[in-house]
Amino acid sequence: MNGTFEELIDSETPVLIDFFAEWCGPCKAMSPALHQFAEEMGDKVKVVKIDIDRNPALQRKFNISGVPTIMVFQKGQQKFRQSGAMMVPQLKKAVEPFL
């Protein structure tokens, strides 16, 4: 997984990652907004969901203690991080500086 993750975030295109968990209520509530955001942004942004329970190494690597946690990567570097549910306008604001 690690090599794949590193390749994923080493992209000119911003990569928005939603670290979530199946049991997380706010994560489920945010899912429609994330889907709408992905549709509206098209190929300008990659949107990826990562289940922390299935990827404990990534959870530890990024010290994710609360979900959802949204992170934006570009060229392998973390550009943005926020814990808590975000709606479409907030998601757009998070990636706009990197487009």
Protein backbone atom coordinates (compact mmCIF):
# COMPACT_ATOMS: atom_id res chain seq x y z
CA MET A 1 0.00 0.00 0.00
CA ASN A 2 2.76 2.47 0.88
CA GLY A 3 4.35 2.57 -2.57
CA THR A 4 0.93 3.00 -4.11
CA PHE A 5 0.03 5.78 -1.67
CA GLU A 6 3.30 7.60 -2.37
CA GLU A 7 2.66 7.35 -6.11
CA LEU A 8 -0.90 8.59 -5.60
CA ILE A 9 0.10 11.76 -3.75
CA ASP A 10 3.13 12.48 -5.98
CA SER A 11 0.90 14.19 -8.52
CA GLU A 12 0.81 17.60 -10.17
CA THR A 13 -2.99 17.39 -9.81
CA PRO A 14 -4.10 18.07 -6.22
CA VAL A 15 -5.19 14.91 -4.40
CA LEU A 16 -7.91 15.36 -1.78
CA ILE A 17 -8.01 12.44 0.63
CA ASP A 18 -10.91 11.74 2.95
CA PHE A 19 -9.69 9.60 5.84
CA PHE A 20 -12.89 8.04 7.15
CA ALA A 21 -14.34 5.08 9.04
CA GLU A 22 -17.45 2.99 8.32
CA TRP A 23 -18.74 3.57 11.88
CA CYS A 24 -18.34 7.37 11.68
CA GLY A 25 -21.63 9.30 11.49
CA PRO A 26 -20.11 12.61 10.29
CA CYS A 27 -18.20 10.67 7.61
CA LYS A 28 -21.45 9.23 6.27
CA ALA A 29 -23.11 12.65 6.42
CA MET A 30 -20.23 14.16 4.43
CA SER A 31 -20.24 11.48 1.72
CA PRO A 32 -22.81 13.18 -0.58
CA ALA A 33 -20.88 16.48 -0.41
CA LEU A 34 -17.65 14.68 -1.27
CA HIS A 35 -19.33 12.98 -4.23
CA GLN A 36 -20.78 16.29 -5.46
CA PHE A 37 -17.38 17.99 -5.04
CA ALA A 38 -15.69 15.23 -7.08
CA GLU A 39 -18.28 15.59 -9.86
CA GLU A 40 -18.01 19.39 -9.97
CA MET A 41 -14.19 19.42 -9.96
CA GLY A 42 -13.85 16.70 -12.60
CA ASP A 43 -10.25 15.93 -13.49
CA LYS A 44 -8.88 19.08 -11.81
CA VAL A 45 -8.69 17.21 -8.48
CA LYS A 46 -8.30 13.54 -7.55
CA VAL A 47 -10.63 12.52 -4.72
CA VAL A 48 -9.73 9.43 -2.69
CA LYS A 49 -11.42 7.87 0.33
CA ILE A 50 -9.23 5.88 2.73
CA ASP A 51 -10.77 3.76 5.48
CA ILE A 52 -8.56 4.17 8.57
CA ASP A 53 -9.64 0.78 9.94
CA ARG A 54 -8.34 -0.92 6.79
CA ASN A 55 -5.20 1.22 6.59
CA PRO A 56 -3.85 1.52 10.14
CA ALA A 57 -0.31 2.25 8.91
CA LEU A 58 -1.49 5.38 7.10
CA GLN A 59 -3.59 6.36 10.12
CA ARG A 60 -0.45 6.18 12.30
CA LYS A 61 1.78 7.87 9.72
CA PHE A 62 -0.46 10.92 9.58
CA ASN A 63 -1.50 10.86 13.27
CA ILE A 64 -5.19 10.73 12.43
CA SER A 65 -7.09 10.69 15.70
CA GLY A 66 -10.46 11.94 14.47
CA VAL A 67 -12.47 11.22 11.37
CA PRO A 68 -13.28 12.55 8.94
CA THR A 69 -9.88 14.12 8.33
CA ILE A 70 -9.43 15.83 4.98
CA MET A 71 -5.95 16.23 3.55
CA VAL A 72 -4.78 17.71 0.26
CA PHE A 73 -1.49 16.58 -1.26
CA GLN A 74 0.34 17.85 -4.31
CA LYS A 75 3.73 16.67 -5.61
CA GLY A 76 4.05 14.42 -2.56
CA GLN A 77 3.64 17.25 -0.06
CA GLN A 78 0.79 17.81 2.38
CA LYS A 79 -0.78 21.17 1.52
CA PHE A 80 -3.91 21.17 3.68
CA ARG A 81 -5.35 19.28 6.64
CA GLN A 82 -8.59 19.64 8.57
CA SER A 83 -10.51 17.33 10.84
CA GLY A 84 -14.29 17.35 10.80
CA ALA A 85 -16.94 17.19 8.11
CA MET A 86 -16.66 19.70 5.28
CA MET A 87 -19.26 20.73 2.74
CA VAL A 88 -18.68 21.48 -0.96
CA PRO A 89 -17.75 25.20 -0.59
CA GLN A 90 -15.19 24.36 2.12
CA LEU A 91 -13.72 21.54 0.03
CA LYS A 92 -13.35 23.88 -2.95
CA LYS A 93 -11.68 26.51 -0.79
CA ALA A 94 -9.21 23.86 0.44
CA VAL A 95 -8.01 22.93 -3.07
CA GLU A 96 -8.34 26.22 -4.99
CA PRO A 97 -4.85 27.53 -4.03
CA PHE A 98 -3.31 24.45 -5.69
CA LEU A 99 -5.17 24.44 -9.01
